[in-house]
Amino acid sequence: MEEDIKDCCDVTIIHDDVVSAAAQVQLTDDMVVKMANFYQALSDPTRLRIVHTLIHAEMCVCDLAAVLEMTQSSISHQLRYLKNLALIKRRKVGRMVYYSIDDEHVLTLFETGLAHISHR
């Protein structure tokens, strides 16, 4: 059994130039972790619905809770998560806090993902 594993793990590089070029453009460990966290934020259906809603309008927690038919507490928890990953931003006016998407990158990412799943 151990010998079988060794046999299947032997690596032969067939295209050295391709391997060398790919090795030169690898992401740093820090960038991989940041990207994984970024995409993980969008892997939750509730957070995805929040981002989609905020693409269309800046909203306070109360309004988001009404649109998504969820509690303010649940929405607040997800907003904090999204804000920590810079997917959304907040704007305070007096005692009210309004949330919106952080920048155009979030919109582009969302639209690209939607286009990708819609063409199949």
PDB file of N, CA and C in Angstrom:
ATOM      1  N   MET A   1       0.831  -1.198   0.000  1.00  0.00           N
ATOM      2  CA  MET A   1       0.000   0.000   0.000  1.00  0.00           C
ATOM      3  C   MET A   1       0.869   1.252   0.000  1.00  0.00           C
ATOM      4  N   GLU A   2       1.866   1.288   0.885  1.00  0.00           N
ATOM      5  CA  GLU A   2       2.743   2.441   0.965  1.00  0.00           C
ATOM      6  C   GLU A   2       3.494   2.643  -0.347  1.00  0.00           C
ATOM      7  N   GLU A   3       3.883   1.553  -0.970  1.00  0.00           N
ATOM      8  CA  GLU A   3       4.606   1.633  -2.230  1.00  0.00           C
ATOM      9  C   GLU A   3       3.710   2.194  -3.338  1.00  0.00           C
ATOM     10  N   ASP A   4       2.412   1.847  -3.309  1.00  0.00           N
ATOM     11  CA  ASP A   4       1.476   2.379  -4.295  1.00  0.00           C
ATOM     12  C   ASP A   4       1.385   3.899  -4.200  1.00  0.00           C
ATOM     13  N   ILE A   5       1.356   4.403  -2.964  1.00  0.00           N
ATOM     14  CA  ILE A   5       1.270   5.845  -2.749  1.00  0.00           C
ATOM     15  C   ILE A   5       2.516   6.527  -3.297  1.00  0.00           C
ATOM     16  N   LYS A   6       3.671   5.962  -3.027  1.00  0.00           N
ATOM     17  CA  LYS A   6       4.914   6.546  -3.530  1.00  0.00           C
ATOM     18  C   LYS A   6       4.915   6.574  -5.052  1.00  0.00           C
ATOM     19  N   ASP A   7       4.434   5.495  -5.674  1.00  0.00           N
ATOM     20  CA  ASP A   7       4.409   5.433  -7.133  1.00  0.00           C
ATOM     21  C   ASP A   7       3.512   6.521  -7.729  1.00  0.00           C
ATOM     22  N   CYS A   8       2.374   6.765  -7.112  1.00  0.00           N
ATOM     23  CA  CYS A   8       1.451   7.741  -7.676  1.00  0.00           C
ATOM     24  C   CYS A   8       1.862   9.172  -7.342  1.00  0.00           C
ATOM     25  N   CYS A   9       2.781   9.365  -6.412  1.00  0.00           N
ATOM     26  CA  CYS A   9       3.196  10.705  -6.023  1.00  0.00           C
ATOM     27  C   CYS A   9       4.454  11.170  -6.750  1.00  0.00           C
ATOM     28  N   ASP A  10       5.088  10.294  -7.499  1.00  0.00           N
ATOM     29  CA  ASP A  10       6.254  10.718  -8.270  1.00  0.00           C
ATOM     30  C   ASP A  10       5.801  11.739  -9.307  1.00  0.00           C
ATOM     31  N   VAL A  11       6.525  12.840  -9.368  1.00  0.00           N
ATOM     32  CA  VAL A  11       6.148  13.910 -10.277  1.00  0.00           C
ATOM     33  C   VAL A  11       7.187  14.025 -11.377  1.00  0.00           C
ATOM     34  N   THR A  12       6.714  14.031 -12.591  1.00  0.00           N
ATOM     35  CA  THR A  12       7.570  14.257 -13.742  1.00  0.00           C
ATOM     36  C   THR A  12       7.089  15.531 -14.409  1.00  0.00           C
ATOM     37  N   ILE A  13       7.983  16.481 -14.546  1.00  0.00           N
ATOM     38  CA  ILE A  13       7.619  17.731 -15.206  1.00  0.00           C
ATOM     39  C   ILE A  13       7.813  17.547 -16.701  1.00  0.00           C
ATOM     40  N   ILE A  14       6.721  17.688 -17.417  1.00  0.00           N
ATOM     41  CA  ILE A  14       6.758  17.487 -18.859  1.00  0.00           C
ATOM     42  C   ILE A  14       7.047  18.801 -19.587  1.00  0.00           C
ATOM     43  N   HIS A  15       6.424  19.866 -19.119  1.00  0.00           N
ATOM     44  CA  HIS A  15       6.581  21.177 -19.765  1.00  0.00           C
ATOM     45  C   HIS A  15       7.243  22.133 -18.780  1.00  0.00           C
ATOM     46  N   ASP A  16       8.540  22.079 -18.700  1.00  0.00           N
ATOM     47  CA  ASP A  16       9.305  22.871 -17.734  1.00  0.00           C
ATOM     48  C   ASP A  16       9.047  24.365 -17.886  1.00  0.00           C
ATOM     49  N   ASP A  17       8.924  24.866 -19.104  1.00  0.00           N
ATOM     50  CA  ASP A  17       8.688  26.290 -19.324  1.00  0.00           C
ATOM     51  C   ASP A  17       7.329  26.724 -18.781  1.00  0.00           C
ATOM     52  N   VAL A  18       6.325  25.890 -18.954  1.00  0.00           N
ATOM     53  CA  VAL A  18       4.982  26.196 -18.443  1.00  0.00           C
ATOM     54  C   VAL A  18       4.988  26.188 -16.920  1.00  0.00           C
ATOM     55  N   VAL A  19       5.635  25.196 -16.335  1.00  0.00           N
ATOM     56  CA  VAL A  19       5.722  25.089 -14.874  1.00  0.00           C
ATOM     57  C   VAL A  19       6.476  26.287 -14.310  1.00  0.00           C
ATOM     58  N   SER A  20       7.580  26.664 -14.924  1.00  0.00           N
ATOM     59  CA  SER A  20       8.372  27.808 -14.451  1.00  0.00           C
ATOM     60  C   SER A  20       7.570  29.103 -14.526  1.00  0.00           C
ATOM     61  N   ALA A  21       6.866  29.313 -15.621  1.00  0.00           N
ATOM     62  CA  ALA A  21       6.062  30.526 -15.780  1.00  0.00           C
ATOM     63  C   ALA A  21       4.941  30.576 -14.750  1.00  0.00           C
ATOM     64  N   ALA A  22       4.274  29.455 -14.526  1.00  0.00           N
ATOM     65  CA  ALA A  22       3.180  29.408 -13.546  1.00  0.00           C
ATOM     66  C   ALA A  22       3.705  29.616 -12.133  1.00  0.00           C
ATOM     67  N   ALA A  23       4.885  29.088 -11.849  1.00  0.00           N
ATOM     68  CA  ALA A  23       5.478  29.246 -10.516  1.00  0.00           C
ATOM     69  C   ALA A  23       5.798  30.712 -10.230  1.00  0.00           C
ATOM     70  N   GLN A  24       6.121  31.476 -11.257  1.00  0.00           N
ATOM     71  CA  GLN A  24       6.476  32.891 -11.091  1.00  0.00           C
ATOM     72  C   GLN A  24       5.278  33.770 -10.738  1.00  0.00           C
ATOM     73  N   VAL A  25       4.078  33.339 -11.059  1.00  0.00           N
ATOM     74  CA  VAL A  25       2.898  34.188 -10.856  1.00  0.00           C
ATOM     75  C   VAL A  25       1.995  33.708  -9.720  1.00  0.00           C
ATOM     76  N   GLN A  26       2.489  32.824  -8.880  1.00  0.00           N
ATOM     77  CA  GLN A  26       1.689  32.324  -7.761  1.00  0.00           C
ATOM     78  C   GLN A  26       1.405  33.443  -6.760  1.00  0.00           C
ATOM     79  N   LEU A  27       0.217  33.435  -6.197  1.00  0.00           N
ATOM     80  CA  LEU A  27      -0.164  34.412  -5.178  1.00  0.00           C
ATOM     81  C   LEU A  27       0.584  34.125  -3.886  1.00  0.00           C
ATOM     82  N   THR A  28       0.784  35.178  -3.088  1.00  0.00           N
ATOM     83  CA  THR A  28       1.387  34.973  -1.775  1.00  0.00           C
ATOM     84  C   THR A  28       0.367  34.289  -0.875  1.00  0.00           C
ATOM     85  N   ASP A  29       0.838  33.670   0.187  1.00  0.00           N
ATOM     86  CA  ASP A  29      -0.071  33.016   1.134  1.00  0.00           C
ATOM     87  C   ASP A  29      -1.070  34.017   1.695  1.00  0.00           C
ATOM     88  N   ASP A  30      -0.615  35.236   1.977  1.00  0.00           N
ATOM     89  CA  ASP A  30      -1.485  36.273   2.525  1.00  0.00           C
ATOM     90  C   ASP A  30      -2.604  36.622   1.542  1.00  0.00           C
ATOM     91  N   MET A  31      -2.268  36.752   0.274  1.00  0.00           N
ATOM     92  CA  MET A  31      -3.282  37.068  -0.736  1.00  0.00           C
ATOM     93  C   MET A  31      -4.280  35.926  -0.898  1.00  0.00           C
ATOM     94  N   VAL A  32      -3.811  34.695  -0.831  1.00  0.00           N
ATOM     95  CA  VAL A  32      -4.709  33.538  -0.952  1.00  0.00           C
ATOM     96  C   VAL A  32      -5.706  33.528   0.199  1.00  0.00           C
ATOM     97  N   VAL A  33      -5.235  33.792   1.410  1.00  0.00           N
ATOM     98  CA  VAL A  33      -6.122  33.817   2.579  1.00  0.00           C
ATOM     99  C   VAL A  33      -7.137  34.950   2.447  1.00  0.00           C
ATOM    100  N   LYS A  34      -6.680  36.132   2.040  1.00  0.00           N
ATOM    101  CA  LYS A  34      -7.596  37.268   1.878  1.00  0.00           C
ATOM    102  C   LYS A  34      -8.655  36.981   0.814  1.00  0.00           C
ATOM    103  N   MET A  35      -8.251  36.389  -0.296  1.00  0.00           N
ATOM    104  CA  MET A  35      -9.222  36.064  -1.351  1.00  0.00           C
ATOM    105  C   MET A  35     -10.198  34.994  -0.890  1.00  0.00           C
ATOM    106  N   ALA A  36      -9.700  34.002  -0.163  1.00  0.00           N
ATOM    107  CA  ALA A  36     -10.587  32.949   0.348  1.00  0.00           C
ATOM    108  C   ALA A  36     -11.619  33.548   1.295  1.00  0.00           C
ATOM    109  N   ASN A  37     -11.195  34.459   2.163  1.00  0.00           N
ATOM    110  CA  ASN A  37     -12.124  35.118   3.085  1.00  0.00           C
ATOM    111  C   ASN A  37     -13.137  35.966   2.323  1.00  0.00           C
ATOM    112  N   PHE A  38     -12.671  36.637   1.294  1.00  0.00           N
ATOM    113  CA  PHE A  38     -13.537  37.472   0.466  1.00  0.00           C
ATOM    114  C   PHE A  38     -14.645  36.637  -0.173  1.00  0.00           C
ATOM    115  N   TYR A  39     -14.261  35.535  -0.809  1.00  0.00           N
ATOM    116  CA  TYR A  39     -15.260  34.681  -1.453  1.00  0.00           C
ATOM    117  C   TYR A  39     -16.118  33.938  -0.436  1.00  0.00           C
ATOM    118  N   GLN A  40     -15.552  33.632   0.716  1.00  0.00           N
ATOM    119  CA  GLN A  40     -16.332  32.978   1.765  1.00  0.00           C
ATOM    120  C   GLN A  40     -17.463  33.893   2.224  1.00  0.00           C
ATOM    121  N   ALA A  41     -17.206  35.184   2.250  1.00  0.00           N
ATOM    122  CA  ALA A  41     -18.242  36.139   2.655  1.00  0.00           C
ATOM    123  C   ALA A  41     -19.444  36.060   1.728  1.00  0.00           C
ATOM    124  N   LEU A  42     -19.198  35.789   0.468  1.00  0.00           N
ATOM    125  CA  LEU A  42     -20.292  35.709  -0.498  1.00  0.00           C
ATOM    126  C   LEU A  42     -20.874  34.310  -0.627  1.00  0.00           C
ATOM    127  N   SER A  43     -20.361  33.375   0.146  1.00  0.00           N
ATOM    128  CA  SER A  43     -20.871  32.000   0.066  1.00  0.00           C
ATOM    129  C   SER A  43     -22.112  31.791   0.924  1.00  0.00           C
ATOM    130  N   ASP A  44     -22.451  32.765   1.738  1.00  0.00           N
ATOM    131  CA  ASP A  44     -23.619  32.666   2.611  1.00  0.00           C
ATOM    132  C   ASP A  44     -24.824  33.308   1.914  1.00  0.00           C
ATOM    133  N   PRO A  45     -25.938  32.599   1.784  1.00  0.00           N
ATOM    134  CA  PRO A  45     -27.109  33.153   1.088  1.00  0.00           C
ATOM    135  C   PRO A  45     -27.618  34.472   1.672  1.00  0.00           C
ATOM    136  N   THR A  46     -27.616  34.604   2.984  1.00  0.00           N
ATOM    137  CA  THR A  46     -28.094  35.850   3.596  1.00  0.00           C
ATOM    138  C   THR A  46     -27.186  37.012   3.235  1.00  0.00           C
ATOM    139  N   ARG A  47     -25.880  36.815   3.341  1.00  0.00           N
ATOM    140  CA  ARG A  47     -24.947  37.889   2.995  1.00  0.00           C
ATOM    141  C   ARG A  47     -25.055  38.241   1.509  1.00  0.00           C
ATOM    142  N   LEU A  48     -25.268  37.243   0.683  1.00  0.00           N
ATOM    143  CA  LEU A  48     -25.434  37.490  -0.751  1.00  0.00           C
ATOM    144  C   LEU A  48     -26.689  38.323  -1.012  1.00  0.00           C
ATOM    145  N   ARG A  49     -27.755  38.017  -0.319  1.00  0.00           N
ATOM    146  CA  ARG A  49     -28.997  38.791  -0.462  1.00  0.00           C
ATOM    147  C   ARG A  49     -28.805  40.229   0.019  1.00  0.00           C
ATOM    148  N   ILE A  50     -28.048  40.401   1.100  1.00  0.00           N
ATOM    149  CA  ILE A  50     -27.774  41.751   1.610  1.00  0.00           C
ATOM    150  C   ILE A  50     -26.984  42.551   0.581  1.00  0.00           C
ATOM    151  N   VAL A  51     -25.919  41.964   0.053  1.00  0.00           N
ATOM    152  CA  VAL A  51     -25.105  42.661  -0.950  1.00  0.00           C
ATOM    153  C   VAL A  51     -25.964  43.009  -2.162  1.00  0.00           C
ATOM    154  N   HIS A  52     -26.762  42.066  -2.625  1.00  0.00           N
ATOM    155  CA  HIS A  52     -27.629  42.324  -3.779  1.00  0.00           C
ATOM    156  C   HIS A  52     -28.575  43.486  -3.503  1.00  0.00           C
ATOM    157  N   THR A  53     -29.151  43.521  -2.327  1.00  0.00           N
ATOM    158  CA  THR A  53     -30.070  44.599  -1.966  1.00  0.00           C
ATOM    159  C   THR A  53     -29.344  45.937  -1.913  1.00  0.00           C
ATOM    160  N   LEU A  54     -28.147  45.941  -1.325  1.00  0.00           N
ATOM    161  CA  LEU A  54     -27.394  47.193  -1.191  1.00  0.00           C
ATOM    162  C   LEU A  54     -26.830  47.695  -2.515  1.00  0.00           C
ATOM    163  N   ILE A  55     -26.745  46.833  -3.496  1.00  0.00           N
ATOM    164  CA  ILE A  55     -26.332  47.282  -4.831  1.00  0.00           C
ATOM    165  C   ILE A  55     -27.380  48.243  -5.389  1.00  0.00           C
ATOM    166  N   HIS A  56     -28.631  48.013  -5.031  1.00  0.00           N
ATOM    167  CA  HIS A  56     -29.727  48.806  -5.579  1.00  0.00           C
ATOM    168  C   HIS A  56     -30.051  50.050  -4.770  1.00  0.00           C
ATOM    169  N   ALA A  57     -29.712  50.049  -3.478  1.00  0.00           N
ATOM    170  CA  ALA A  57     -30.027  51.219  -2.659  1.00  0.00           C
ATOM    171  C   ALA A  57     -29.262  51.185  -1.340  1.00  0.00           C
ATOM    172  N   GLU A  58     -28.867  52.353  -0.887  1.00  0.00           N
ATOM    173  CA  GLU A  58     -28.289  52.488   0.449  1.00  0.00           C
ATOM    174  C   GLU A  58     -29.428  52.316   1.449  1.00  0.00           C
ATOM    175  N   MET A  59     -29.200  51.549   2.516  1.00  0.00           N
ATOM    176  CA  MET A  59     -30.277  51.273   3.472  1.00  0.00           C
ATOM    177  C   MET A  59     -29.766  51.200   4.896  1.00  0.00           C
ATOM    178  N   CYS A  60     -30.689  51.438   5.826  1.00  0.00           N
ATOM    179  CA  CYS A  60     -30.400  51.231   7.244  1.00  0.00           C
ATOM    180  C   CYS A  60     -30.774  49.787   7.606  1.00  0.00           C
ATOM    181  N   VAL A  61     -30.382  49.374   8.791  1.00  0.00           N
ATOM    182  CA  VAL A  61     -30.648  48.007   9.244  1.00  0.00           C
ATOM    183  C   VAL A  61     -32.144  47.710   9.241  1.00  0.00           C
ATOM    184  N   CYS A  62     -32.942  48.658   9.708  1.00  0.00           N
ATOM    185  CA  CYS A  62     -34.400  48.455   9.786  1.00  0.00           C
ATOM    186  C   CYS A  62     -34.993  48.147   8.410  1.00  0.00           C
ATOM    187  N   ASP A  63     -34.593  48.934   7.420  1.00  0.00           N
ATOM    188  CA  ASP A  63     -35.124  48.734   6.069  1.00  0.00           C
ATOM    189  C   ASP A  63     -34.646  47.417   5.466  1.00  0.00           C
ATOM    190  N   LEU A  64     -33.376  47.084   5.682  1.00  0.00           N
ATOM    191  CA  LEU A  64     -32.858  45.800   5.201  1.00  0.00           C
ATOM    192  C   LEU A  64     -33.622  44.641   5.829  1.00  0.00           C
ATOM    193  N   ALA A  65     -33.878  44.740   7.126  1.00  0.00           N
ATOM    194  CA  ALA A  65     -34.617  43.686   7.827  1.00  0.00           C
ATOM    195  C   ALA A  65     -36.017  43.526   7.235  1.00  0.00           C
ATOM    196  N   ALA A  66     -36.648  44.648   6.891  1.00  0.00           N
ATOM    197  CA  ALA A  66     -37.988  44.592   6.298  1.00  0.00           C
ATOM    198  C   ALA A  66     -37.948  43.955   4.908  1.00  0.00           C
ATOM    199  N   VAL A  67     -37.001  44.366   4.084  1.00  0.00           N
ATOM    200  CA  VAL A  67     -36.893  43.827   2.722  1.00  0.00           C
ATOM    201  C   VAL A  67     -36.617  42.329   2.747  1.00  0.00           C
ATOM    202  N   LEU A  68     -35.685  41.911   3.603  1.00  0.00           N
ATOM    203  CA  LEU A  68     -35.258  40.511   3.630  1.00  0.00           C
ATOM    204  C   LEU A  68     -36.079  39.646   4.585  1.00  0.00           C
ATOM    205  N   GLU A  69     -37.038  40.280   5.271  1.00  0.00           N
ATOM    206  CA  GLU A  69     -37.912  39.578   6.214  1.00  0.00           C
ATOM    207  C   GLU A  69     -37.107  38.801   7.252  1.00  0.00           C
ATOM    208  N   MET A  70     -36.189  39.525   7.886  1.00  0.00           N
ATOM    209  CA  MET A  70     -35.335  38.947   8.926  1.00  0.00           C
ATOM    210  C   MET A  70     -35.308  39.900  10.108  1.00  0.00           C
ATOM    211  N   THR A  71     -34.736  39.443  11.210  1.00  0.00           N
ATOM    212  CA  THR A  71     -34.628  40.308  12.379  1.00  0.00           C
ATOM    213  C   THR A  71     -33.491  41.304  12.182  1.00  0.00           C
ATOM    214  N   GLN A  72     -33.601  42.431  12.864  1.00  0.00           N
ATOM    215  CA  GLN A  72     -32.538  43.432  12.812  1.00  0.00           C
ATOM    216  C   GLN A  72     -31.235  42.867  13.364  1.00  0.00           C
ATOM    217  N   SER A  73     -31.342  42.030  14.370  1.00  0.00           N
ATOM    218  CA  SER A  73     -30.158  41.418  14.966  1.00  0.00           C
ATOM    219  C   SER A  73     -29.419  40.547  13.954  1.00  0.00           C
ATOM    220  N   SER A  74     -30.159  39.736  13.216  1.00  0.00           N
ATOM    221  CA  SER A  74     -29.545  38.877  12.192  1.00  0.00           C
ATOM    222  C   SER A  74     -28.875  39.706  11.104  1.00  0.00           C
ATOM    223  N   ILE A  75     -29.552  40.746  10.678  1.00  0.00           N
ATOM    224  CA  ILE A  75     -29.005  41.623   9.643  1.00  0.00           C
ATOM    225  C   ILE A  75     -27.748  42.322  10.155  1.00  0.00           C
ATOM    226  N   SER A  76     -27.797  42.842  11.372  1.00  0.00           N
ATOM    227  CA  SER A  76     -26.642  43.540  11.957  1.00  0.00           C
ATOM    228  C   SER A  76     -25.420  42.644  12.027  1.00  0.00           C
ATOM    229  N   HIS A  77     -25.631  41.404  12.412  1.00  0.00           N
ATOM    230  CA  HIS A  77     -24.522  40.447  12.503  1.00  0.00           C
ATOM    231  C   HIS A  77     -23.865  40.259  11.132  1.00  0.00           C
ATOM    232  N   GLN A  78     -24.670  40.086  10.103  1.00  0.00           N
ATOM    233  CA  GLN A  78     -24.132  39.879   8.761  1.00  0.00           C
ATOM    234  C   GLN A  78     -23.494  41.156   8.204  1.00  0.00           C
ATOM    235  N   LEU A  79     -24.060  42.305   8.525  1.00  0.00           N
ATOM    236  CA  LEU A  79     -23.476  43.573   8.083  1.00  0.00           C
ATOM    237  C   LEU A  79     -22.086  43.768   8.679  1.00  0.00           C
ATOM    238  N   ARG A  80     -21.927  43.424   9.936  1.00  0.00           N
ATOM    239  CA  ARG A  80     -20.619  43.533  10.594  1.00  0.00           C
ATOM    240  C   ARG A  80     -19.598  42.651   9.877  1.00  0.00           C
ATOM    241  N   TYR A  81     -19.996  41.435   9.541  1.00  0.00           N
ATOM    242  CA  TYR A  81     -19.123  40.501   8.830  1.00  0.00           C
ATOM    243  C   TYR A  81     -18.714  41.080   7.473  1.00  0.00           C
ATOM    244  N   LEU A  82     -19.684  41.583   6.724  1.00  0.00           N
ATOM    245  CA  LEU A  82     -19.409  42.142   5.400  1.00  0.00           C
ATOM    246  C   LEU A  82     -18.550  43.403   5.475  1.00  0.00           C
ATOM    247  N   LYS A  83     -18.778  44.215   6.493  1.00  0.00           N
ATOM    248  CA  LYS A  83     -17.992  45.443   6.658  1.00  0.00           C
ATOM    249  C   LYS A  83     -16.545  45.126   6.998  1.00  0.00           C
ATOM    250  N   ASN A  84     -16.329  44.127   7.842  1.00  0.00           N
ATOM    251  CA  ASN A  84     -14.965  43.742   8.218  1.00  0.00           C
ATOM    252  C   ASN A  84     -14.153  43.271   7.017  1.00  0.00           C
ATOM    253  N   LEU A  85     -14.819  42.783   5.991  1.00  0.00           N
ATOM    254  CA  LEU A  85     -14.130  42.334   4.779  1.00  0.00           C
ATOM    255  C   LEU A  85     -14.185  43.380   3.662  1.00  0.00           C
ATOM    256  N   ALA A  86     -14.639  44.580   4.001  1.00  0.00           N
ATOM    257  CA  ALA A  86     -14.680  45.718   3.069  1.00  0.00           C
ATOM    258  C   ALA A  86     -15.570  45.474   1.851  1.00  0.00           C
ATOM    259  N   LEU A  87     -16.619  44.688   2.028  1.00  0.00           N
ATOM    260  CA  LEU A  87     -17.591  44.513   0.949  1.00  0.00           C
ATOM    261  C   LEU A  87     -18.667  45.594   1.003  1.00  0.00           C
ATOM    262  N   ILE A  88     -18.915  46.105   2.200  1.00  0.00           N
ATOM    263  CA  ILE A  88     -19.875  47.193   2.364  1.00  0.00           C
ATOM    264  C   ILE A  88     -19.233  48.277   3.222  1.00  0.00           C
ATOM    265  N   LYS A  89     -19.849  49.449   3.196  1.00  0.00           N
ATOM    266  CA  LYS A  89     -19.389  50.551   4.043  1.00  0.00           C
ATOM    267  C   LYS A  89     -20.601  51.143   4.747  1.00  0.00           C
ATOM    268  N   ARG A  90     -20.342  51.948   5.753  1.00  0.00           N
ATOM    269  CA  ARG A  90     -21.429  52.570   6.504  1.00  0.00           C
ATOM    270  C   ARG A  90     -21.259  54.075   6.519  1.00  0.00           C
ATOM    271  N   ARG A  91     -22.382  54.752   6.645  1.00  0.00           N
ATOM    272  CA  ARG A  91     -22.405  56.209   6.709  1.00  0.00           C
ATOM    273  C   ARG A  91     -23.372  56.585   7.819  1.00  0.00           C
ATOM    274  N   LYS A  92     -22.875  57.370   8.764  1.00  0.00           N
ATOM    275  CA  LYS A  92     -23.704  57.741   9.909  1.00  0.00           C
ATOM    276  C   LYS A  92     -24.270  59.144   9.706  1.00  0.00           C
ATOM    277  N   VAL A  93     -25.581  59.259   9.926  1.00  0.00           N
ATOM    278  CA  VAL A  93     -26.267  60.545   9.857  1.00  0.00           C
ATOM    279  C   VAL A  93     -27.051  60.674  11.155  1.00  0.00           C
ATOM    280  N   GLY A  94     -26.548  61.488  12.070  1.00  0.00           N
ATOM    281  CA  GLY A  94     -27.170  61.574  13.392  1.00  0.00           C
ATOM    282  C   GLY A  94     -27.067  60.227  14.076  1.00  0.00           C
ATOM    283  N   ARG A  95     -28.205  59.681  14.449  1.00  0.00           N
ATOM    284  CA  ARG A  95     -28.215  58.367  15.096  1.00  0.00           C
ATOM    285  C   ARG A  95     -28.430  57.222  14.108  1.00  0.00           C
ATOM    286  N   MET A  96     -28.710  57.563  12.868  1.00  0.00           N
ATOM    287  CA  MET A  96     -28.968  56.540  11.850  1.00  0.00           C
ATOM    288  C   MET A  96     -27.666  56.132  11.154  1.00  0.00           C
ATOM    289  N   VAL A  97     -27.581  54.850  10.821  1.00  0.00           N
ATOM    290  CA  VAL A  97     -26.438  54.329  10.077  1.00  0.00           C
ATOM    291  C   VAL A  97     -26.970  53.723   8.784  1.00  0.00           C
ATOM    292  N   TYR A  98     -26.392  54.147   7.676  1.00  0.00           N
ATOM    293  CA  TYR A  98     -26.796  53.665   6.364  1.00  0.00           C
ATOM    294  C   TYR A  98     -25.668  52.832   5.763  1.00  0.00           C
ATOM    295  N   TYR A  99     -26.041  51.750   5.117  1.00  0.00           N
ATOM    296  CA  TYR A  99     -25.069  50.829   4.527  1.00  0.00           C
ATOM    297  C   TYR A  99     -25.202  50.830   3.011  1.00  0.00           C
ATOM    298  N   SER A 100     -24.058  50.662   2.347  1.00  0.00           N
ATOM    299  CA  SER A 100     -24.022  50.561   0.887  1.00  0.00           C
ATOM    300  C   SER A 100     -22.829  49.691   0.506  1.00  0.00           C
ATOM    301  N   ILE A 101     -22.770  49.296  -0.764  1.00  0.00           N
ATOM    302  CA  ILE A 101     -21.610  48.501  -1.178  1.00  0.00           C
ATOM    303  C   ILE A 101     -20.368  49.392  -1.091  1.00  0.00           C
ATOM    304  N   ASP A 102     -19.224  48.767  -0.853  1.00  0.00           N
ATOM    305  CA  ASP A 102     -18.002  49.529  -0.604  1.00  0.00           C
ATOM    306  C   ASP A 102     -17.496  50.254  -1.845  1.00  0.00           C
ATOM    307  N   ASP A 103     -17.499  49.591  -2.993  1.00  0.00           N
ATOM    308  CA  ASP A 103     -17.017  50.228  -4.216  1.00  0.00           C
ATOM    309  C   ASP A 103     -17.500  49.461  -5.446  1.00  0.00           C
ATOM    310  N   GLU A 104     -17.085  49.938  -6.596  1.00  0.00           N
ATOM    311  CA  GLU A 104     -17.523  49.334  -7.860  1.00  0.00           C
ATOM    312  C   GLU A 104     -17.015  47.905  -8.041  1.00  0.00           C
ATOM    313  N   HIS A 105     -15.914  47.541  -7.368  1.00  0.00           N
ATOM    314  CA  HIS A 105     -15.400  46.174  -7.480  1.00  0.00           C
ATOM    315  C   HIS A 105     -16.436  45.163  -6.992  1.00  0.00           C
ATOM    316  N   VAL A 106     -17.143  45.517  -5.931  1.00  0.00           N
ATOM    317  CA  VAL A 106     -18.162  44.619  -5.380  1.00  0.00           C
ATOM    318  C   VAL A 106     -19.286  44.447  -6.397  1.00  0.00           C
ATOM    319  N   LEU A 107     -19.699  45.545  -7.000  1.00  0.00           N
ATOM    320  CA  LEU A 107     -20.745  45.489  -8.030  1.00  0.00           C
ATOM    321  C   LEU A 107     -20.291  44.631  -9.210  1.00  0.00           C
ATOM    322  N   THR A 108     -19.080  44.860  -9.682  1.00  0.00           N
ATOM    323  CA  THR A 108     -18.546  44.098 -10.814  1.00  0.00           C
ATOM    324  C   THR A 108     -18.473  42.616 -10.493  1.00  0.00           C
ATOM    325  N   LEU A 109     -17.978  42.297  -9.307  1.00  0.00           N
ATOM    326  CA  LEU A 109     -17.871  40.898  -8.896  1.00  0.00           C
ATOM    327  C   LEU A 109     -19.250  40.243  -8.858  1.00  0.00           C
ATOM    328  N   PHE A 110     -20.214  40.935  -8.275  1.00  0.00           N
ATOM    329  CA  PHE A 110     -21.571  40.400  -8.170  1.00  0.00           C
ATOM    330  C   PHE A 110     -22.172  40.187  -9.560  1.00  0.00           C
ATOM    331  N   GLU A 111     -22.066  41.201 -10.411  1.00  0.00           N
ATOM    332  CA  GLU A 111     -22.636  41.097 -11.757  1.00  0.00           C
ATOM    333  C   GLU A 111     -21.961  39.999 -12.575  1.00  0.00           C
ATOM    334  N   THR A 112     -20.649  39.853 -12.420  1.00  0.00           N
ATOM    335  CA  THR A 112     -19.922  38.806 -13.138  1.00  0.00           C
ATOM    336  C   THR A 112     -20.374  37.425 -12.683  1.00  0.00           C
ATOM    337  N   GLY A 113     -20.528  37.251 -11.375  1.00  0.00           N
ATOM    338  CA  GLY A 113     -21.007  35.974 -10.845  1.00  0.00           C
ATOM    339  C   GLY A 113     -22.408  35.658 -11.331  1.00  0.00           C
ATOM    340  N   LEU A 114     -23.263  36.660 -11.336  1.00  0.00           N
ATOM    341  CA  LEU A 114     -24.638  36.481 -11.801  1.00  0.00           C
ATOM    342  C   LEU A 114     -24.669  36.131 -13.290  1.00  0.00           C
ATOM    343  N   ALA A 115     -23.847  36.801 -14.074  1.00  0.00           N
ATOM    344  CA  ALA A 115     -23.780  36.501 -15.509  1.00  0.00           C
ATOM    345  C   ALA A 115     -23.273  35.080 -15.734  1.00  0.00           C
ATOM    346  N   HIS A 116     -22.315  34.667 -14.933  1.00  0.00           N
ATOM    347  CA  HIS A 116     -21.745  33.327 -15.091  1.00  0.00           C
ATOM    348  C   HIS A 116     -22.789  32.238 -14.829  1.00  0.00           C
ATOM    349  N   ILE A 117     -23.562  32.389 -13.751  1.00  0.00           N
ATOM    350  CA  ILE A 117     -24.552  31.351 -13.443  1.00  0.00           C
ATOM    351  C   ILE A 117     -25.775  31.435 -14.353  1.00  0.00           C
ATOM    352  N   SER A 118     -26.021  32.596 -14.939  1.00  0.00           N
ATOM    353  CA  SER A 118     -27.200  32.780 -15.788  1.00  0.00           C
ATOM    354  C   SER A 118     -27.018  32.235 -17.197  1.00  0.00           C
ATOM    355  N   HIS A 119     -25.801  32.090 -17.660  1.00  0.00           N
ATOM    356  CA  HIS A 119     -25.600  31.660 -19.046  1.00  0.00           C
ATOM    357  C   HIS A 119     -25.635  30.146 -19.213  1.00  0.00           C
ATOM    358  N   ARG A 120     -25.810  29.415 -18.153  1.00  0.00           N
ATOM    359  CA  ARG A 120     -25.822  27.949 -18.249  1.00  0.00           C
ATOM    360  C   ARG A 120     -27.223  27.416 -18.365  1.00  0.00           C
TER     361      ARG A 120
END
